[in-house]
Amino acid sequence: MQSFLLHLHSGWAYVVVLLTLVLLVMVLMSFFSKKPVTAGLRKISFYTTLAFHIQFLVGIGLYLVSPIVQNSWQAGTAMQTGPRLYTLEHPLMMFTAVILITIANAQIKRATVLRPATLIFLVLALLCFYMIPWTAWLNL
């Protein structure tokens, strides 16, 4: 189960990263050209939000069955440098990213013209990619 969830979480991350980058480019183009929000932008925003939520749910499942996380909490070493990324930092930042992308999606859905707040939420969600364990992810 843990191996399946790990590979699903790692594979689906490619979809999330790609959709987020596409959404960010579309939002920047729409924002700086001051054109109205299109149906295509709304669809990409919806699918990006959906992908984030699926990734987060798979991540919760992985968090619950991961031996790295379980052992570090049981041994009391969860706050040491190595396991802290997987036990605390990565899950909290990804939870923040899910919240921010959901807020941005709600604003894009209701807006006729994009506001700066939407851009800020998307940039913050993109900055949450800093917490992706890139070396572990790309070595799978």
N, C-alpha and C. Protein backbone atom coordinates (compact mmCIF):
# COMPACT_ATOMS: atom_id res chain seq x y z
N MET A 1 0.82 -1.20 0.00
CA MET A 1 0.00 0.00 0.00
C MET A 1 0.87 1.26 0.00
N GLN A 2 1.91 1.25 0.83
CA GLN A 2 2.77 2.41 0.94
C GLN A 2 3.50 2.67 -0.38
N SER A 3 3.97 1.61 -1.02
CA SER A 3 4.67 1.76 -2.29
C SER A 3 3.75 2.30 -3.38
N PHE A 4 2.53 1.78 -3.42
CA PHE A 4 1.55 2.26 -4.40
C PHE A 4 1.25 3.74 -4.19
N LEU A 5 0.99 4.13 -2.95
CA LEU A 5 0.69 5.53 -2.66
C LEU A 5 1.88 6.44 -2.96
N LEU A 6 3.08 5.97 -2.67
CA LEU A 6 4.28 6.76 -2.94
C LEU A 6 4.44 7.01 -4.44
N HIS A 7 4.24 5.96 -5.24
CA HIS A 7 4.38 6.13 -6.69
C HIS A 7 3.23 6.96 -7.27
N LEU A 8 2.04 6.78 -6.74
CA LEU A 8 0.90 7.60 -7.19
C LEU A 8 1.13 9.07 -6.84
N HIS A 9 1.59 9.33 -5.62
CA HIS A 9 1.84 10.69 -5.16
C HIS A 9 2.96 11.33 -6.00
N SER A 10 3.98 10.59 -6.30
CA SER A 10 5.09 11.12 -7.09
C SER A 10 4.70 11.31 -8.56
N GLY A 11 3.95 10.39 -9.11
CA GLY A 11 3.52 10.52 -10.51
C GLY A 11 2.52 11.63 -10.71
N TRP A 12 1.57 11.74 -9.81
CA TRP A 12 0.54 12.77 -9.92
C TRP A 12 1.15 14.17 -9.73
N ALA A 13 2.29 14.24 -9.05
CA ALA A 13 2.95 15.53 -8.84
C ALA A 13 3.34 16.17 -10.17
N TYR A 14 3.68 15.36 -11.16
CA TYR A 14 3.99 15.91 -12.49
C TYR A 14 2.78 16.64 -13.07
N VAL A 15 1.61 16.06 -12.91
CA VAL A 15 0.38 16.68 -13.40
C VAL A 15 0.13 18.00 -12.66
N VAL A 16 0.31 17.98 -11.36
CA VAL A 16 0.07 19.18 -10.55
C VAL A 16 1.04 20.30 -10.93
N VAL A 17 2.31 19.98 -11.05
CA VAL A 17 3.31 20.99 -11.41
C VAL A 17 3.03 21.55 -12.80
N LEU A 18 2.73 20.69 -13.75
CA LEU A 18 2.46 21.15 -15.11
C LEU A 18 1.22 22.05 -15.16
N LEU A 19 0.14 21.61 -14.54
CA LEU A 19 -1.08 22.42 -14.54
C LEU A 19 -0.88 23.75 -13.82
N THR A 20 -0.12 23.75 -12.74
CA THR A 20 0.13 25.00 -12.02
C THR A 20 0.94 25.97 -12.87
N LEU A 21 1.93 25.48 -13.57
CA LEU A 21 2.71 26.35 -14.43
C LEU A 21 1.88 26.90 -15.58
N VAL A 22 1.03 26.06 -16.18
CA VAL A 22 0.16 26.52 -17.25
C VAL A 22 -0.81 27.58 -16.72
N LEU A 23 -1.38 27.32 -15.55
CA LEU A 23 -2.31 28.28 -14.96
C LEU A 23 -1.62 29.59 -14.65
N LEU A 24 -0.41 29.53 -14.11
CA LEU A 24 0.30 30.75 -13.77
C LEU A 24 0.60 31.58 -15.02
N VAL A 25 1.01 30.92 -16.10
CA VAL A 25 1.27 31.64 -17.35
C VAL A 25 -0.01 32.27 -17.88
N MET A 26 -1.12 31.53 -17.85
CA MET A 26 -2.39 32.07 -18.35
C MET A 26 -2.87 33.24 -17.50
N VAL A 27 -2.71 33.13 -16.18
CA VAL A 27 -3.13 34.21 -15.29
C VAL A 27 -2.26 35.45 -15.53
N LEU A 28 -0.97 35.26 -15.67
CA LEU A 28 -0.10 36.40 -15.92
C LEU A 28 -0.43 37.08 -17.25
N MET A 29 -0.69 36.28 -18.28
CA MET A 29 -1.06 36.87 -19.57
C MET A 29 -2.38 37.62 -19.48
N SER A 30 -3.35 37.05 -18.80
CA SER A 30 -4.65 37.70 -18.65
C SER A 30 -4.56 38.95 -17.78
N PHE A 31 -3.76 38.86 -16.72
CA PHE A 31 -3.63 39.99 -15.80
C PHE A 31 -2.95 41.18 -16.45
N PHE A 32 -1.83 40.93 -17.13
CA PHE A 32 -1.08 42.04 -17.70
C PHE A 32 -1.68 42.58 -18.99
N SER A 33 -2.46 41.78 -19.70
CA SER A 33 -3.12 42.28 -20.90
C SER A 33 -4.46 42.94 -20.58
N LYS A 34 -4.90 42.77 -19.30
CA LYS A 34 -6.16 43.36 -18.82
C LYS A 34 -7.37 42.90 -19.64
N LYS A 35 -7.27 41.69 -20.17
CA LYS A 35 -8.39 41.11 -20.90
C LYS A 35 -9.32 40.42 -19.91
N PRO A 36 -10.57 40.25 -20.28
CA PRO A 36 -11.49 39.55 -19.37
C PRO A 36 -11.11 38.08 -19.20
N VAL A 37 -11.57 37.52 -18.10
CA VAL A 37 -11.31 36.11 -17.80
C VAL A 37 -12.06 35.25 -18.81
N THR A 38 -11.36 34.31 -19.40
CA THR A 38 -11.97 33.45 -20.42
C THR A 38 -12.44 32.13 -19.80
N ALA A 39 -13.24 31.42 -20.56
CA ALA A 39 -13.71 30.11 -20.11
C ALA A 39 -12.54 29.14 -20.02
N GLY A 40 -11.55 29.28 -20.89
CA GLY A 40 -10.38 28.41 -20.85
C GLY A 40 -9.58 28.60 -19.57
N LEU A 41 -9.45 29.84 -19.13
CA LEU A 41 -8.74 30.13 -17.88
C LEU A 41 -9.50 29.55 -16.70
N ARG A 42 -10.81 29.65 -16.73
CA ARG A 42 -11.62 29.08 -15.65
C ARG A 42 -11.48 27.55 -15.61
N LYS A 43 -11.44 26.92 -16.79
CA LYS A 43 -11.30 25.47 -16.84
C LYS A 43 -9.93 25.02 -16.32
N ILE A 44 -8.88 25.69 -16.74
CA ILE A 44 -7.53 25.34 -16.26
C ILE A 44 -7.45 25.55 -14.76
N SER A 45 -8.07 26.62 -14.27
CA SER A 45 -8.07 26.87 -12.83
C SER A 45 -8.80 25.76 -12.08
N PHE A 46 -9.93 25.32 -12.62
CA PHE A 46 -10.68 24.24 -11.98
C PHE A 46 -9.88 22.94 -11.97
N TYR A 47 -9.29 22.58 -13.12
CA TYR A 47 -8.54 21.33 -13.19
C TYR A 47 -7.27 21.37 -12.33
N THR A 48 -6.65 22.53 -12.23
CA THR A 48 -5.49 22.66 -11.35
C THR A 48 -5.89 22.49 -9.90
N THR A 49 -7.00 23.09 -9.52
CA THR A 49 -7.49 22.95 -8.15
C THR A 49 -7.86 21.50 -7.86
N LEU A 50 -8.50 20.86 -8.80
CA LEU A 50 -8.85 19.44 -8.65
C LEU A 50 -7.60 18.58 -8.50
N ALA A 51 -6.60 18.84 -9.31
CA ALA A 51 -5.35 18.07 -9.23
C ALA A 51 -4.67 18.28 -7.88
N PHE A 52 -4.67 19.52 -7.39
CA PHE A 52 -4.10 19.81 -6.07
C PHE A 52 -4.83 19.02 -4.98
N HIS A 53 -6.15 18.99 -5.04
CA HIS A 53 -6.92 18.29 -4.02
C HIS A 53 -6.68 16.78 -4.06
N ILE A 54 -6.61 16.22 -5.26
CA ILE A 54 -6.33 14.79 -5.38
C ILE A 54 -4.94 14.49 -4.82
N GLN A 55 -3.97 15.32 -5.17
CA GLN A 55 -2.61 15.14 -4.67
C GLN A 55 -2.57 15.21 -3.15
N PHE A 56 -3.32 16.14 -2.59
CA PHE A 56 -3.34 16.30 -1.14
C PHE A 56 -3.98 15.08 -0.46
N LEU A 57 -5.05 14.55 -1.02
CA LEU A 57 -5.69 13.37 -0.44
C LEU A 57 -4.78 12.14 -0.50
N VAL A 58 -4.09 11.98 -1.61
CA VAL A 58 -3.14 10.88 -1.72
C VAL A 58 -1.99 11.09 -0.73
N GLY A 59 -1.57 12.34 -0.57
CA GLY A 59 -0.51 12.66 0.39
C GLY A 59 -0.91 12.37 1.82
N ILE A 60 -2.16 12.62 2.16
CA ILE A 60 -2.65 12.29 3.51
C ILE A 60 -2.60 10.78 3.73
N GLY A 61 -3.03 10.04 2.74
CA GLY A 61 -2.95 8.58 2.84
C GLY A 61 -1.52 8.10 2.98
N LEU A 62 -0.62 8.69 2.20
CA LEU A 62 0.78 8.32 2.29
C LEU A 62 1.37 8.70 3.64
N TYR A 63 0.98 9.83 4.16
CA TYR A 63 1.45 10.28 5.48
C TYR A 63 1.03 9.30 6.56
N LEU A 64 -0.17 8.77 6.46
CA LEU A 64 -0.68 7.86 7.48
C LEU A 64 -0.04 6.48 7.45
N VAL A 65 0.44 6.04 6.29
CA VAL A 65 1.01 4.70 6.20
C VAL A 65 2.53 4.70 6.04
N SER A 66 3.15 5.86 5.94
CA SER A 66 4.59 5.94 5.70
C SER A 66 5.39 5.49 6.92
N PRO A 67 6.29 4.54 6.73
CA PRO A 67 7.11 4.11 7.87
C PRO A 67 8.09 5.19 8.33
N ILE A 68 8.54 6.05 7.43
CA ILE A 68 9.44 7.13 7.83
C ILE A 68 8.76 8.05 8.81
N VAL A 69 7.54 8.43 8.49
CA VAL A 69 6.79 9.34 9.36
C VAL A 69 6.42 8.66 10.67
N GLN A 70 5.92 7.45 10.59
CA GLN A 70 5.50 6.75 11.81
C GLN A 70 6.67 6.50 12.75
N ASN A 71 7.79 6.06 12.21
CA ASN A 71 8.95 5.78 13.05
C ASN A 71 9.52 7.04 13.68
N SER A 72 9.52 8.13 12.94
CA SER A 72 10.09 9.36 13.51
C SER A 72 9.20 9.93 14.60
N TRP A 73 7.88 9.79 14.46
CA TRP A 73 6.99 10.26 15.54
C TRP A 73 7.11 9.36 16.76
N GLN A 74 7.20 8.05 16.55
CA GLN A 74 7.29 7.12 17.68
C GLN A 74 8.63 7.24 18.40
N ALA A 75 9.69 7.49 17.67
CA ALA A 75 11.02 7.58 18.29
C ALA A 75 11.29 8.96 18.86
N GLY A 76 10.41 9.91 18.59
CA GLY A 76 10.62 11.26 19.09
C GLY A 76 11.66 12.04 18.31
N THR A 77 11.92 11.63 17.09
CA THR A 77 12.92 12.32 16.26
C THR A 77 12.29 13.09 15.11
N ALA A 78 11.02 13.37 15.20
CA ALA A 78 10.31 14.02 14.10
C ALA A 78 10.81 15.43 13.82
N MET A 79 11.37 16.09 14.82
CA MET A 79 11.82 17.46 14.63
C MET A 79 13.30 17.57 14.28
N GLN A 80 13.96 16.45 14.08
CA GLN A 80 15.34 16.51 13.62
C GLN A 80 15.38 16.87 12.15
N THR A 81 16.51 17.29 11.68
CA THR A 81 16.64 17.85 10.34
C THR A 81 16.14 16.91 9.24
N GLY A 82 16.49 15.66 9.25
CA GLY A 82 16.11 14.74 8.18
C GLY A 82 14.62 14.48 8.08
N PRO A 83 14.01 13.89 9.11
CA PRO A 83 12.59 13.55 8.99
C PRO A 83 11.64 14.74 9.12
N ARG A 84 12.13 15.89 9.54
CA ARG A 84 11.24 17.04 9.73
C ARG A 84 10.58 17.47 8.43
N LEU A 85 11.30 17.33 7.33
CA LEU A 85 10.72 17.69 6.03
C LEU A 85 9.47 16.87 5.74
N TYR A 86 9.54 15.55 6.00
CA TYR A 86 8.42 14.67 5.68
C TYR A 86 7.35 14.66 6.76
N THR A 87 7.72 14.92 8.00
CA THR A 87 6.74 14.84 9.08
C THR A 87 6.01 16.14 9.33
N LEU A 88 6.62 17.27 8.99
CA LEU A 88 6.00 18.55 9.34
C LEU A 88 5.99 19.57 8.21
N GLU A 89 7.16 19.89 7.68
CA GLU A 89 7.26 21.02 6.74
C GLU A 89 6.51 20.78 5.44
N HIS A 90 6.77 19.66 4.79
CA HIS A 90 6.13 19.38 3.50
C HIS A 90 4.60 19.28 3.63
N PRO A 91 4.08 18.52 4.60
CA PRO A 91 2.61 18.44 4.70
C PRO A 91 1.95 19.79 5.00
N LEU A 92 2.54 20.59 5.87
CA LEU A 92 1.94 21.88 6.21
C LEU A 92 1.99 22.86 5.03
N MET A 93 3.09 22.88 4.31
CA MET A 93 3.19 23.78 3.16
C MET A 93 2.26 23.35 2.03
N MET A 94 2.10 22.05 1.85
CA MET A 94 1.21 21.60 0.80
C MET A 94 -0.26 21.85 1.18
N PHE A 95 -0.57 21.76 2.46
CA PHE A 95 -1.90 22.12 2.93
C PHE A 95 -2.15 23.60 2.66
N THR A 96 -1.14 24.43 2.90
CA THR A 96 -1.24 25.86 2.60
C THR A 96 -1.43 26.07 1.10
N ALA A 97 -0.71 25.33 0.29
CA ALA A 97 -0.85 25.46 -1.17
C ALA A 97 -2.25 25.09 -1.63
N VAL A 98 -2.83 24.06 -1.05
CA VAL A 98 -4.19 23.65 -1.42
C VAL A 98 -5.18 24.75 -1.05
N ILE A 99 -5.03 25.33 0.11
CA ILE A 99 -5.91 26.43 0.52
C ILE A 99 -5.77 27.61 -0.43
N LEU A 100 -4.54 27.99 -0.76
CA LEU A 100 -4.31 29.14 -1.62
C LEU A 100 -4.83 28.92 -3.04
N ILE A 101 -4.64 27.73 -3.58
CA ILE A 101 -5.12 27.48 -4.93
C ILE A 101 -6.64 27.43 -4.96
N THR A 102 -7.26 26.98 -3.87
CA THR A 102 -8.72 26.97 -3.78
C THR A 102 -9.27 28.39 -3.74
N ILE A 103 -8.63 29.26 -2.98
CA ILE A 103 -9.04 30.67 -2.92
C ILE A 103 -8.85 31.33 -4.29
N ALA A 104 -7.72 31.06 -4.93
CA ALA A 104 -7.48 31.63 -6.25
C ALA A 104 -8.51 31.14 -7.26
N ASN A 105 -8.86 29.87 -7.20
CA ASN A 105 -9.88 29.32 -8.10
C ASN A 105 -11.22 30.01 -7.88
N ALA A 106 -11.59 30.23 -6.63
CA ALA A 106 -12.86 30.91 -6.33
C ALA A 106 -12.85 32.33 -6.89
N GLN A 107 -11.72 33.01 -6.78
CA GLN A 107 -11.65 34.37 -7.31
C GLN A 107 -11.68 34.39 -8.83
N ILE A 108 -11.01 33.44 -9.45
CA ILE A 108 -11.03 33.38 -10.92
C ILE A 108 -12.43 33.03 -11.41
N LYS A 109 -13.12 32.16 -10.69
CA LYS A 109 -14.46 31.74 -11.11
C LYS A 109 -15.45 32.91 -11.09
N ARG A 110 -15.30 33.80 -10.10
CA ARG A 110 -16.24 34.92 -9.96
C ARG A 110 -15.83 36.17 -10.72
N ALA A 111 -14.57 36.29 -11.07
CA ALA A 111 -14.05 37.54 -11.62
C ALA A 111 -14.37 37.68 -13.11
N THR A 112 -14.52 38.92 -13.51
CA THR A 112 -14.59 39.21 -14.94
C THR A 112 -13.21 39.67 -15.42
N VAL A 113 -12.50 40.40 -14.55
CA VAL A 113 -11.12 40.80 -14.80
C VAL A 113 -10.31 40.41 -13.56
N LEU A 114 -9.13 39.88 -13.77
CA LEU A 114 -8.32 39.40 -12.64
C LEU A 114 -7.83 40.57 -11.78
N ARG A 115 -7.85 40.34 -10.48
CA ARG A 115 -7.37 41.32 -9.52
C ARG A 115 -5.98 40.91 -9.04
N PRO A 116 -5.24 41.84 -8.44
CA PRO A 116 -3.90 41.49 -7.92
C PRO A 116 -3.93 40.40 -6.86
N ALA A 117 -4.99 40.29 -6.09
CA ALA A 117 -5.06 39.26 -5.04
C ALA A 117 -4.99 37.86 -5.65
N THR A 118 -5.61 37.67 -6.80
CA THR A 118 -5.56 36.37 -7.46
C THR A 118 -4.13 36.03 -7.84
N LEU A 119 -3.43 37.00 -8.36
CA LEU A 119 -2.04 36.80 -8.74
C LEU A 119 -1.19 36.46 -7.51
N ILE A 120 -1.45 37.13 -6.41
CA ILE A 120 -0.69 36.87 -5.18
C ILE A 120 -0.92 35.45 -4.70
N PHE A 121 -2.17 34.99 -4.70
CA PHE A 121 -2.46 33.63 -4.24
C PHE A 121 -1.77 32.60 -5.12
N LEU A 122 -1.75 32.82 -6.42
CA LEU A 122 -1.12 31.86 -7.31
C LEU A 122 0.40 31.85 -7.14
N VAL A 123 0.99 33.01 -6.94
CA VAL A 123 2.43 33.06 -6.72
C VAL A 123 2.79 32.39 -5.40
N LEU A 124 1.98 32.60 -4.38
CA LEU A 124 2.23 31.92 -3.10
C LEU A 124 2.09 30.41 -3.23
N ALA A 125 1.11 29.97 -4.00
CA ALA A 125 0.96 28.53 -4.22
C ALA A 125 2.17 27.99 -4.98
N LEU A 126 2.67 28.76 -5.93
CA LEU A 126 3.85 28.34 -6.67
C LEU A 126 5.08 28.32 -5.76
N LEU A 127 5.16 29.26 -4.85
CA LEU A 127 6.28 29.27 -3.90
C LEU A 127 6.26 28.07 -2.96
N CYS A 128 5.10 27.50 -2.77
CA CYS A 128 5.02 26.29 -1.93
C CYS A 128 5.75 25.12 -2.59
N PHE A 129 6.04 25.22 -3.88
CA PHE A 129 6.81 24.18 -4.55
C PHE A 129 8.23 24.11 -4.00
N TYR A 130 8.62 25.12 -3.28
CA TYR A 130 9.93 25.09 -2.63
C TYR A 130 10.03 23.91 -1.67
N MET A 131 8.91 23.51 -1.09
CA MET A 131 8.91 22.44 -0.10
C MET A 131 8.81 21.05 -0.72
N ILE A 132 8.80 20.95 -2.01
CA ILE A 132 8.79 19.64 -2.64
C ILE A 132 10.18 19.03 -2.46
N PRO A 133 10.25 17.80 -1.98
CA PRO A 133 11.56 17.15 -1.86
C PRO A 133 12.05 16.70 -3.23
N TRP A 134 12.61 17.63 -3.99
CA TRP A 134 12.96 17.40 -5.39
C TRP A 134 13.91 16.23 -5.57
N THR A 135 14.92 16.09 -4.73
CA THR A 135 15.88 15.00 -4.91
C THR A 135 15.23 13.64 -4.70
N ALA A 136 14.38 13.54 -3.71
CA ALA A 136 13.69 12.26 -3.46
C ALA A 136 12.65 12.00 -4.54
N TRP A 137 11.98 13.03 -4.99
CA TRP A 137 10.93 12.88 -5.99
C TRP A 137 11.50 12.45 -7.34
N LEU A 138 12.54 13.08 -7.76
CA LEU A 138 13.09 12.79 -9.08
C LEU A 138 13.92 11.51 -9.12
N ASN A 139 14.24 10.95 -7.96
CA ASN A 139 15.00 9.69 -7.93
C ASN A 139 14.13 8.46 -7.89
N LEU A 140 12.81 8.62 -7.90
CA LEU A 140 11.92 7.43 -7.87
C LEU A 140 11.94 6.71 -9.19
